[in-house]
PDB file of all heavy atoms in Angstrom:
ATOM      1  N   LYS A   1     114.344 104.117  86.980  1.00  0.00           N
ATOM      2  CA  LYS A   1     115.422 105.009  86.546  1.00  0.00           C
ATOM      3  C   LYS A   1     115.999 104.547  85.223  1.00  0.00           C
ATOM      4  O   LYS A   1     116.372 105.361  84.374  1.00  0.00           O
ATOM      5  CB  LYS A   1     116.506 105.043  87.620  1.00  0.00           C
ATOM      6  CG  LYS A   1     116.072 105.764  88.898  1.00  0.00           C
ATOM      7  CD  LYS A   1     117.224 105.829  89.881  1.00  0.00           C
ATOM      8  CE  LYS A   1     116.804 106.590  91.143  1.00  0.00           C
ATOM      9  NZ  LYS A   1     117.916 106.680  92.127  1.00  0.00           N
ATOM     10  N   THR A   2     116.077 103.217  85.044  1.00  0.00           N
ATOM     11  CA  THR A   2     116.615 102.688  83.786  1.00  0.00           C
ATOM     12  C   THR A   2     115.726 103.066  82.615  1.00  0.00           C
ATOM     13  O   THR A   2     116.207 103.529  81.573  1.00  0.00           O
ATOM     14  CB  THR A   2     116.751 101.160  83.862  1.00  0.00           C
ATOM     15  OG1 THR A   2     117.606 100.822  84.945  1.00  0.00           O
ATOM     16  CG2 THR A   2     117.313 100.603  82.561  1.00  0.00           C
ATOM     17  N   ARG A   3     114.414 102.887  82.782  1.00  0.00           N
ATOM     18  CA  ARG A   3     113.478 103.255  81.709  1.00  0.00           C
ATOM     19  C   ARG A   3     113.536 104.742  81.440  1.00  0.00           C
ATOM     20  O   ARG A   3     113.523 105.197  80.298  1.00  0.00           O
ATOM     21  CB  ARG A   3     112.058 102.841  82.069  1.00  0.00           C
ATOM     22  CG  ARG A   3     111.802 101.344  82.012  1.00  0.00           C
ATOM     23  CD  ARG A   3     110.378 101.038  82.393  1.00  0.00           C
ATOM     24  NE  ARG A   3     109.460 101.688  81.462  1.00  0.00           N
ATOM     25  CZ  ARG A   3     108.160 101.857  81.707  1.00  0.00           C
ATOM     26  NH1 ARG A   3     107.645 101.429  82.852  1.00  0.00           N
ATOM     27  NH2 ARG A   3     107.378 102.426  80.823  1.00  0.00           N
ATOM     28  N   ALA A   4     113.576 105.528  82.510  1.00  0.00           N
ATOM     29  CA  ALA A   4     113.623 106.983  82.341  1.00  0.00           C
ATOM     30  C   ALA A   4     114.891 107.398  81.617  1.00  0.00           C
ATOM     31  O   ALA A   4     114.871 108.265  80.736  1.00  0.00           O
ATOM     32  CB  ALA A   4     113.543 107.664  83.708  1.00  0.00           C
ATOM     33  N   ALA A   5     116.011 106.764  81.963  1.00  0.00           N
ATOM     34  CA  ALA A   5     117.272 107.105  81.312  1.00  0.00           C
ATOM     35  C   ALA A   5     117.234 106.730  79.836  1.00  0.00           C
ATOM     36  O   ALA A   5     117.717 107.487  78.978  1.00  0.00           O
ATOM     37  CB  ALA A   5     118.419 106.381  82.011  1.00  0.00           C
ATOM     38  N   THR A   6     116.646 105.571  79.534  1.00  0.00           N
ATOM     39  CA  THR A   6     116.536 105.149  78.135  1.00  0.00           C
ATOM     40  C   THR A   6     115.682 106.109  77.339  1.00  0.00           C
ATOM     41  O   THR A   6     116.028 106.515  76.222  1.00  0.00           O
ATOM     42  CB  THR A   6     115.927 103.730  78.058  1.00  0.00           C
ATOM     43  OG1 THR A   6     116.775 102.834  78.766  1.00  0.00           O
ATOM     44  CG2 THR A   6     115.797 103.284  76.616  1.00  0.00           C
ATOM     45  N   ARG A   7     114.538 106.512  77.918  1.00  0.00           N
ATOM     46  CA  ARG A   7     113.660 107.442  77.222  1.00  0.00           C
ATOM     47  C   ARG A   7     114.319 108.790  77.058  1.00  0.00           C
ATOM     48  O   ARG A   7     114.101 109.491  76.072  1.00  0.00           O
ATOM     49  CB  ARG A   7     112.347 107.574  77.995  1.00  0.00           C
ATOM     50  CG  ARG A   7     111.492 106.326  77.934  1.00  0.00           C
ATOM     51  CD  ARG A   7     110.242 106.477  78.754  1.00  0.00           C
ATOM     52  NE  ARG A   7     109.395 105.296  78.656  1.00  0.00           N
ATOM     53  CZ  ARG A   7     108.235 105.160  79.257  1.00  0.00           C
ATOM     54  NH1 ARG A   7     107.771 106.124  80.024  1.00  0.00           N
ATOM     55  NH2 ARG A   7     107.530 104.058  79.114  1.00  0.00           N
ATOM     56  N   ASN A   8     115.095 109.191  78.044  1.00  0.00           N
ATOM     57  CA  ASN A   8     115.740 110.491  77.971  1.00  0.00           C
ATOM     58  C   ASN A   8     116.754 110.541  76.840  1.00  0.00           C
ATOM     59  O   ASN A   8     117.031 111.604  76.289  1.00  0.00           O
ATOM     60  CB  ASN A   8     116.409 110.802  79.315  1.00  0.00           C
ATOM     61  CG  ASN A   8     116.699 112.275  79.481  1.00  0.00           C
ATOM     62  OD1 ASN A   8     115.967 113.113  78.987  1.00  0.00           O
ATOM     63  ND2 ASN A   8     117.801 112.578  80.160  1.00  0.00           N
ATOM     64  N   ARG A   9     117.334 109.369  76.503  1.00  0.00           N
ATOM     65  CA  ARG A   9     118.298 109.323  75.405  1.00  0.00           C
ATOM     66  C   ARG A   9     117.604 109.388  74.054  1.00  0.00           C
ATOM     67  O   ARG A   9     118.229 109.719  73.048  1.00  0.00           O
ATOM     68  CB  ARG A   9     119.132 108.043  75.512  1.00  0.00           C
ATOM     69  CG  ARG A   9     120.160 108.069  76.645  1.00  0.00           C
ATOM     70  CD  ARG A   9     121.186 106.962  76.465  1.00  0.00           C
ATOM     71  NE  ARG A   9     120.578 105.654  76.539  1.00  0.00           N
ATOM     72  CZ  ARG A   9     120.458 104.958  77.665  1.00  0.00           C
ATOM     73  NH1 ARG A   9     120.867 105.468  78.810  1.00  0.00           N
ATOM     74  NH2 ARG A   9     119.919 103.742  77.653  1.00  0.00           N
ATOM     75  N   GLU A  10     116.318 109.060  74.001  1.00  0.00           N
ATOM     76  CA  GLU A  10     115.580 109.150  72.749  1.00  0.00           C
ATOM     77  C   GLU A  10     115.321 110.612  72.410  1.00  0.00           C
ATOM     78  O   GLU A  10     115.146 111.445  73.305  1.00  0.00           O
ATOM     79  CB  GLU A  10     114.251 108.412  72.876  1.00  0.00           C
ATOM     80  CG  GLU A  10     114.398 106.915  73.125  1.00  0.00           C
ATOM     81  CD  GLU A  10     113.055 106.258  73.343  1.00  0.00           C
ATOM     82  OE1 GLU A  10     112.018 106.947  73.165  1.00  0.00           O
ATOM     83  OE2 GLU A  10     113.023 105.075  73.696  1.00  0.00           O
ATOM     84  N   ARG A  11     115.275 110.891  71.130  1.00  0.00           N
ATOM     85  CA  ARG A  11     115.031 112.272  70.716  1.00  0.00           C
ATOM     86  C   ARG A  11     113.593 112.649  71.037  1.00  0.00           C
ATOM     87  O   ARG A  11     112.654 111.959  70.665  1.00  0.00           O
ATOM     88  CB  ARG A  11     115.294 112.429  69.219  1.00  0.00           C
ATOM     89  CG  ARG A  11     115.206 113.888  68.733  1.00  0.00           C
ATOM     90  CD  ARG A  11     115.696 113.976  67.306  1.00  0.00           C
ATOM     91  NE  ARG A  11     114.806 113.289  66.397  1.00  0.00           N
ATOM     92  CZ  ARG A  11     113.765 113.873  65.790  1.00  0.00           C
ATOM     93  NH1 ARG A  11     113.480 115.142  66.030  1.00  0.00           N
ATOM     94  NH2 ARG A  11     113.020 113.180  64.956  1.00  0.00           N
ATOM     95  N   LEU A  12     113.442 113.740  71.749  1.00  0.00           N
ATOM     96  CA  LEU A  12     112.097 114.183  72.126  1.00  0.00           C
ATOM     97  C   LEU A  12     111.459 114.920  70.953  1.00  0.00           C
ATOM     98  O   LEU A  12     112.066 115.815  70.357  1.00  0.00           O
ATOM     99  CB  LEU A  12     112.177 115.105  73.345  1.00  0.00           C
ATOM    100  CG  LEU A  12     110.852 115.383  74.056  1.00  0.00           C
ATOM    101  CD1 LEU A  12     110.273 114.088  74.612  1.00  0.00           C
ATOM    102  CD2 LEU A  12     111.046 116.394  75.175  1.00  0.00           C
ATOM    103  N   THR A  13     110.242 114.534  70.609  1.00  0.00           N
ATOM    104  CA  THR A  13     109.489 115.159  69.518  1.00  0.00           C
ATOM    105  C   THR A  13     108.082 115.449  70.000  1.00  0.00           C
ATOM    106  O   THR A  13     107.638 114.928  71.026  1.00  0.00           O
ATOM    107  CB  THR A  13     109.405 114.231  68.290  1.00  0.00           C
ATOM    108  OG1 THR A  13     108.683 113.046  68.659  1.00  0.00           O
ATOM    109  CG2 THR A  13     110.799 113.849  67.795  1.00  0.00           C
ATOM    110  N   ARG A  14     107.374 116.261  69.249  1.00  0.00           N
ATOM    111  CA  ARG A  14     105.978 116.539  69.590  1.00  0.00           C
ATOM    112  C   ARG A  14     105.163 115.245  69.550  1.00  0.00           C
ATOM    113  O   ARG A  14     104.314 115.014  70.415  1.00  0.00           O
ATOM    114  CB  ARG A  14     105.387 117.561  68.621  1.00  0.00           C
ATOM    115  CG  ARG A  14     103.912 117.887  68.907  1.00  0.00           C
ATOM    116  CD  ARG A  14     103.364 118.918  67.921  1.00  0.00           C
ATOM    117  NE  ARG A  14     101.934 119.130  68.129  1.00  0.00           N
ATOM    118  CZ  ARG A  14     101.418 119.999  68.975  1.00  0.00           C
ATOM    119  NH1 ARG A  14     102.219 120.757  69.713  1.00  0.00           N
ATOM    120  NH2 ARG A  14     100.104 120.135  69.102  1.00  0.00           N
ATOM    121  N   GLU A  15     105.422 114.417  68.538  1.00  0.00           N
ATOM    122  CA  GLU A  15     104.676 113.170  68.416  1.00  0.00           C
ATOM    123  C   GLU A  15     104.889 112.280  69.633  1.00  0.00           C
ATOM    124  O   GLU A  15     103.936 111.672  70.146  1.00  0.00           O
ATOM    125  CB  GLU A  15     105.105 112.425  67.145  1.00  0.00           C
ATOM    126  CG  GLU A  15     104.664 113.079  65.847  1.00  0.00           C
ATOM    127  CD  GLU A  15     105.480 114.332  65.516  1.00  0.00           C
ATOM    128  OE1 GLU A  15     106.597 114.484  66.088  1.00  0.00           O
ATOM    129  OE2 GLU A  15     104.994 115.148  64.712  1.00  0.00           O
ATOM    130  N   ARG A  16     106.104 112.209  70.113  1.00  0.00           N
ATOM    131  CA  ARG A  16     106.395 111.372  71.276  1.00  0.00           C
ATOM    132  C   ARG A  16     105.713 111.923  72.527  1.00  0.00           C
ATOM    133  O   ARG A  16     105.181 111.169  73.349  1.00  0.00           O
ATOM    134  CB  ARG A  16     107.909 111.314  71.481  1.00  0.00           C
ATOM    135  CG  ARG A  16     108.338 110.395  72.600  1.00  0.00           C
ATOM    136  CD  ARG A  16     109.848 110.367  72.718  1.00  0.00           C
ATOM    137  NE  ARG A  16     110.247 109.875  74.041  1.00  0.00           N
ATOM    138  CZ  ARG A  16     111.360 110.233  74.661  1.00  0.00           C
ATOM    139  NH1 ARG A  16     112.186 111.088  74.078  1.00  0.00           N
ATOM    140  NH2 ARG A  16     111.651 109.738  75.843  1.00  0.00           N
ATOM    141  N   VAL A  17     105.690 113.238  72.668  1.00  0.00           N
ATOM    142  CA  VAL A  17     105.031 113.866  73.813  1.00  0.00           C
ATOM    143  C   VAL A  17     103.534 113.585  73.783  1.00  0.00           C
ATOM    144  O   VAL A  17     102.923 113.225  74.796  1.00  0.00           O
ATOM    145  CB  VAL A  17     105.305 115.382  73.827  1.00  0.00           C
ATOM    146  CG1 VAL A  17     104.442 116.083  74.877  1.00  0.00           C
ATOM    147  CG2 VAL A  17     106.783 115.664  74.090  1.00  0.00           C
ATOM    148  N   VAL A  18     102.927 113.742  72.602  1.00  0.00           N
ATOM    149  CA  VAL A  18     101.486 113.516  72.469  1.00  0.00           C
ATOM    150  C   VAL A  18     101.145 112.052  72.714  1.00  0.00           C
ATOM    151  O   VAL A  18     100.141 111.739  73.371  1.00  0.00           O
ATOM    152  CB  VAL A  18     100.995 113.980  71.082  1.00  0.00           C
ATOM    153  CG1 VAL A  18      99.556 113.538  70.833  1.00  0.00           C
ATOM    154  CG2 VAL A  18     101.101 115.500  70.965  1.00  0.00           C
ATOM    155  N   GLU A  19     101.943 111.140  72.188  1.00  0.00           N
ATOM    156  CA  GLU A  19     101.698 109.712  72.407  1.00  0.00           C
ATOM    157  C   GLU A  19     101.748 109.384  73.903  1.00  0.00           C
ATOM    158  O   GLU A  19     100.930 108.600  74.406  1.00  0.00           O
ATOM    159  CB  GLU A  19     102.735 108.868  71.664  1.00  0.00           C
ATOM    160  CG  GLU A  19     102.510 108.766  70.163  1.00  0.00           C
ATOM    161  CD  GLU A  19     101.284 107.937  69.816  1.00  0.00           C
ATOM    162  OE1 GLU A  19     100.818 107.143  70.661  1.00  0.00           O
ATOM    163  OE2 GLU A  19     100.783 108.091  68.691  1.00  0.00           O
ATOM    164  N   ALA A  20     102.701 109.960  74.597  1.00  0.00           N
ATOM    165  CA  ALA A  20     102.806 109.721  76.034  1.00  0.00           C
ATOM    166  C   ALA A  20     101.572 110.257  76.757  1.00  0.00           C
ATOM    167  O   ALA A  20     101.025 109.602  77.654  1.00  0.00           O
ATOM    168  CB  ALA A  20     104.073 110.375  76.579  1.00  0.00           C
ATOM    169  N   ALA A  21     101.122 111.446  76.363  1.00  0.00           N
ATOM    170  CA  ALA A  21      99.937 112.038  76.986  1.00  0.00           C
ATOM    171  C   ALA A  21      98.694 111.199  76.715  1.00  0.00           C
ATOM    172  O   ALA A  21      97.852 111.012  77.600  1.00  0.00           O
ATOM    173  CB  ALA A  21      99.748 113.466  76.472  1.00  0.00           C
ATOM    174  N   LEU A  22      98.570 110.676  75.483  1.00  0.00           N
ATOM    175  CA  LEU A  22      97.432 109.831  75.140  1.00  0.00           C
ATOM    176  C   LEU A  22      97.449 108.546  75.966  1.00  0.00           C
ATOM    177  O   LEU A  22      96.404 108.094  76.459  1.00  0.00           O
ATOM    178  CB  LEU A  22      97.442 109.509  73.651  1.00  0.00           C
ATOM    179  CG  LEU A  22      96.376 108.534  73.150  1.00  0.00           C
ATOM    180  CD1 LEU A  22      94.970 109.053  73.444  1.00  0.00           C
ATOM    181  CD2 LEU A  22      96.542 108.279  71.652  1.00  0.00           C
ATOM    182  N   HIS A  23      98.613 107.963  76.122  1.00  0.00           N
ATOM    183  CA  HIS A  23      98.735 106.745  76.929  1.00  0.00           C
ATOM    184  C   HIS A  23      98.297 107.003  78.372  1.00  0.00           C
ATOM    185  O   HIS A  23      97.569 106.193  78.966  1.00  0.00           O
ATOM    186  CB  HIS A  23     100.175 106.238  76.900  1.00  0.00           C
ATOM    187  CG  HIS A  23     100.429 105.084  77.816  1.00  0.00           C
ATOM    188  ND1 HIS A  23      99.961 103.816  77.577  1.00  0.00           N
ATOM    189  CD2 HIS A  23     101.087 105.027  79.019  1.00  0.00           C
ATOM    190  CE1 HIS A  23     100.324 103.017  78.563  1.00  0.00           C
ATOM    191  NE2 HIS A  23     100.997 103.723  79.455  1.00  0.00           N
ATOM    192  N   ILE A  24      98.694 108.127  78.906  1.00  0.00           N
ATOM    193  CA  ILE A  24      98.313 108.476  80.280  1.00  0.00           C
ATOM    194  C   ILE A  24      96.807 108.668  80.366  1.00  0.00           C
ATOM    195  O   ILE A  24      96.154 108.183  81.307  1.00  0.00           O
ATOM    196  CB  ILE A  24      99.061 109.743  80.734  1.00  0.00           C
ATOM    197  CG1 ILE A  24     100.561 109.462  80.854  1.00  0.00           C
ATOM    198  CG2 ILE A  24      98.516 110.251  82.065  1.00  0.00           C
ATOM    199  CD1 ILE A  24     101.411 110.705  81.029  1.00  0.00           C
ATOM    200  N   MET A  25      96.231 109.368  79.398  1.00  0.00           N
ATOM    201  CA  MET A  25      94.785 109.584  79.407  1.00  0.00           C
ATOM    202  C   MET A  25      94.034 108.258  79.343  1.00  0.00           C
ATOM    203  O   MET A  25      93.066 108.042  80.079  1.00  0.00           O
ATOM    204  CB  MET A  25      94.360 110.478  78.234  1.00  0.00           C
ATOM    205  CG  MET A  25      92.870 110.817  78.244  1.00  0.00           C
ATOM    206  SD  MET A  25      92.323 111.772  76.798  1.00  0.00           S
ATOM    207  CE  MET A  25      92.178 110.462  75.569  1.00  0.00           C
ATOM    208  N   ASP A  26      94.477 107.351  78.476  1.00  0.00           N
ATOM    209  CA  ASP A  26      93.789 106.070  78.307  1.00  0.00           C
ATOM    210  C   ASP A  26      93.885 105.193  79.555  1.00  0.00           C
ATOM    211  O   ASP A  26      92.945 104.465  79.887  1.00  0.00           O
ATOM    212  CB  ASP A  26      94.372 105.311  77.112  1.00  0.00           C
ATOM    213  CG  ASP A  26      93.935 105.881  75.777  1.00  0.00           C
ATOM    214  OD1 ASP A  26      92.964 106.660  75.750  1.00  0.00           O
ATOM    215  OD2 ASP A  26      94.571 105.553  74.755  1.00  0.00           O
ATOM    216  N   THR A  27      95.008 105.241  80.235  1.00  0.00           N
ATOM    217  CA  THR A  27      95.243 104.320  81.339  1.00  0.00           C
ATOM    218  C   THR A  27      94.943 104.911  82.710  1.00  0.00           C
ATOM    219  O   THR A  27      94.610 104.172  83.647  1.00  0.00           O
ATOM    220  CB  THR A  27      96.697 103.819  81.322  1.00  0.00           C
ATOM    221  OG1 THR A  27      97.594 104.946  81.383  1.00  0.00           O
ATOM    222  CG2 THR A  27      96.972 103.022  80.056  1.00  0.00           C
ATOM    223  N   GLU A  28      95.071 106.245  82.847  1.00  0.00           N
ATOM    224  CA  GLU A  28      94.931 106.866  84.162  1.00  0.00           C
ATOM    225  C   GLU A  28      93.817 107.904  84.228  1.00  0.00           C
ATOM    226  O   GLU A  28      93.458 108.347  85.324  1.00  0.00           O
ATOM    227  CB  GLU A  28      96.257 107.504  84.580  1.00  0.00           C
ATOM    228  CG  GLU A  28      97.425 106.530  84.624  1.00  0.00           C
ATOM    229  CD  GLU A  28      98.744 107.215  84.920  1.00  0.00           C
ATOM    230  OE1 GLU A  28      98.738 108.276  85.594  1.00  0.00           O
ATOM    231  OE2 GLU A  28      99.793 106.712  84.470  1.00  0.00           O
ATOM    232  N   GLY A  29      93.296 108.311  83.076  1.00  0.00           N
ATOM    233  CA  GLY A  29      92.240 109.310  83.058  1.00  0.00           C
ATOM    234  C   GLY A  29      92.731 110.670  82.635  1.00  0.00           C
ATOM    235  O   GLY A  29      93.936 110.966  82.695  1.00  0.00           O
ATOM    236  N   LEU A  30      91.801 111.516  82.225  1.00  0.00           N
ATOM    237  CA  LEU A  30      92.166 112.835  81.705  1.00  0.00           C
ATOM    238  C   LEU A  30      92.808 113.715  82.776  1.00  0.00           C
ATOM    239  O   LEU A  30      93.735 114.482  82.493  1.00  0.00           O
ATOM    240  CB  LEU A  30      90.918 113.524  81.128  1.00  0.00           C
ATOM    241  CG  LEU A  30      91.133 114.895  80.481  1.00  0.00           C
ATOM    242  CD1 LEU A  30      92.141 114.804  79.338  1.00  0.00           C
ATOM    243  CD2 LEU A  30      89.808 115.459  79.969  1.00  0.00           C
ATOM    244  N   ASP A  31      92.337 113.630  84.011  1.00  0.00           N
ATOM    245  CA  ASP A  31      92.891 114.465  85.079  1.00  0.00           C
ATOM    246  C   ASP A  31      94.367 114.173  85.323  1.00  0.00           C
ATOM    247  O   ASP A  31      95.093 115.037  85.855  1.00  0.00           O
ATOM    248  CB  ASP A  31      92.110 114.265  86.379  1.00  0.00           C
ATOM    249  CG  ASP A  31      90.721 114.871  86.327  1.00  0.00           C
ATOM    250  OD1 ASP A  31      90.486 115.721  85.442  1.00  0.00           O
ATOM    251  OD2 ASP A  31      89.871 114.501  87.152  1.00  0.00           O
ATOM    252  N   ALA A  32      94.810 112.975  84.955  1.00  0.00           N
ATOM    253  CA  ALA A  32      96.212 112.613  85.172  1.00  0.00           C
ATOM    254  C   ALA A  32      97.141 113.251  84.146  1.00  0.00           C
ATOM    255  O   ALA A  32      98.369 113.242  84.332  1.00  0.00           O
ATOM    256  CB  ALA A  32      96.373 111.098  85.135  1.00  0.00           C
ATOM    257  N   VAL A  33      96.589 113.795  83.064  1.00  0.00           N
ATOM    258  CA  VAL A  33      97.415 114.396  82.017  1.00  0.00           C
ATOM    259  C   VAL A  33      97.855 115.789  82.461  1.00  0.00           C
ATOM    260  O   VAL A  33      97.126 116.772  82.306  1.00  0.00           O
ATOM    261  CB  VAL A  33      96.663 114.467  80.677  1.00  0.00           C
ATOM    262  CG1 VAL A  33      97.571 115.077  79.598  1.00  0.00           C
ATOM    263  CG2 VAL A  33      96.197 113.086  80.243  1.00  0.00           C
ATOM    264  N   THR A  34      99.029 115.860  83.041  1.00  0.00           N
ATOM    265  CA  THR A  34      99.643 117.128  83.429  1.00  0.00           C
ATOM    266  C   THR A  34     101.017 117.205  82.778  1.00  0.00           C
ATOM    267  O   THR A  34     101.588 116.183  82.363  1.00  0.00           O
ATOM    268  CB  THR A  34      99.800 117.232  84.955  1.00  0.00           C
ATOM    269  OG1 THR A  34     100.735 116.228  85.400  1.00  0.00           O
ATOM    270  CG2 THR A  34      98.450 117.028  85.658  1.00  0.00           C
ATOM    271  N   MET A  35     101.550 118.387  82.697  1.00  0.00           N
ATOM    272  CA  MET A  35     102.866 118.544  82.081  1.00  0.00           C
ATOM    273  C   MET A  35     103.920 117.763  82.863  1.00  0.00           C
ATOM    274  O   MET A  35     104.788 117.113  82.273  1.00  0.00           O
ATOM    275  CB  MET A  35     103.234 120.023  82.003  1.00  0.00           C
ATOM    276  CG  MET A  35     102.257 120.870  81.182  1.00  0.00           C
ATOM    277  SD  MET A  35     102.135 120.354  79.447  1.00  0.00           S
ATOM    278  CE  MET A  35     103.554 121.190  78.745  1.00  0.00           C
ATOM    279  N   ARG A  36     103.831 117.782  84.177  1.00  0.00           N
ATOM    280  CA  ARG A  36     104.804 117.040  84.988  1.00  0.00           C
ATOM    281  C   ARG A  36     104.675 115.540  84.782  1.00  0.00           C
ATOM    282  O   ARG A  36     105.679 114.826  84.692  1.00  0.00           O
ATOM    283  CB  ARG A  36     104.622 117.387  86.464  1.00  0.00           C
ATOM    284  CG  ARG A  36     105.112 118.782  86.836  1.00  0.00           C
ATOM    285  CD  ARG A  36     105.026 119.003  88.339  1.00  0.00           C
ATOM    286  NE  ARG A  36     105.525 120.316  88.706  1.00  0.00           N
ATOM    287  CZ  ARG A  36     105.602 120.763  89.950  1.00  0.00           C
ATOM    288  NH1 ARG A  36     105.186 119.986  90.952  1.00  0.00           N
ATOM    289  NH2 ARG A  36     106.078 121.968  90.203  1.00  0.00           N
ATOM    290  N   ARG A  37     103.425 115.063  84.717  1.00  0.00           N
ATOM    291  CA  ARG A  37     103.217 113.617  84.550  1.00  0.00           C
ATOM    292  C   ARG A  37     103.708 113.163  83.182  1.00  0.00           C
ATOM    293  O   ARG A  37     104.331 112.099  83.060  1.00  0.00           O
ATOM    294  CB  ARG A  37     101.734 113.280  84.728  1.00  0.00           C
ATOM    295  CG  ARG A  37     101.401 111.814  84.500  1.00  0.00           C
ATOM    296  CD  ARG A  37     102.023 110.932  85.560  1.00  0.00           C
ATOM    297  NE  ARG A  37     101.813 109.526  85.263  1.00  0.00           N
ATOM    298  CZ  ARG A  37     102.617 108.797  84.491  1.00  0.00           C
ATOM    299  NH1 ARG A  37     103.710 109.348  83.960  1.00  0.00           N
ATOM    300  NH2 ARG A  37     102.365 107.526  84.261  1.00  0.00           N
ATOM    301  N   VAL A  38     103.454 113.938  82.157  1.00  0.00           N
ATOM    302  CA  VAL A  38     103.922 113.587  80.810  1.00  0.00           C
ATOM    303  C   VAL A  38     105.439 113.622  80.758  1.00  0.00           C
ATOM    304  O   VAL A  38     106.083 112.743  80.164  1.00  0.00           O
ATOM    305  CB  VAL A  38     103.311 114.526  79.756  1.00  0.00           C
ATOM    306  CG1 VAL A  38     103.913 114.253  78.383  1.00  0.00           C
ATOM    307  CG2 VAL A  38     101.789 114.370  79.711  1.00  0.00           C
ATOM    308  N   ALA A  39     106.023 114.637  81.385  1.00  0.00           N
ATOM    309  CA  ALA A  39     107.484 114.731  81.410  1.00  0.00           C
ATOM    310  C   ALA A  39     108.094 113.508  82.080  1.00  0.00           C
ATOM    311  O   ALA A  39     109.091 112.942  81.599  1.00  0.00           O
ATOM    312  CB  ALA A  39     107.904 116.007  82.137  1.00  0.00           C
TER     313      ALA A  39
END
């Protein structure tokens, strides 16, 4: 919750969303890249 709260305070940008999706793909696989998981 602490990490989520910290990230939520950061300004959301397209670059940040894409970076998060790339991290998920690299670590968990392409099937793990969903809008809910990235959010």
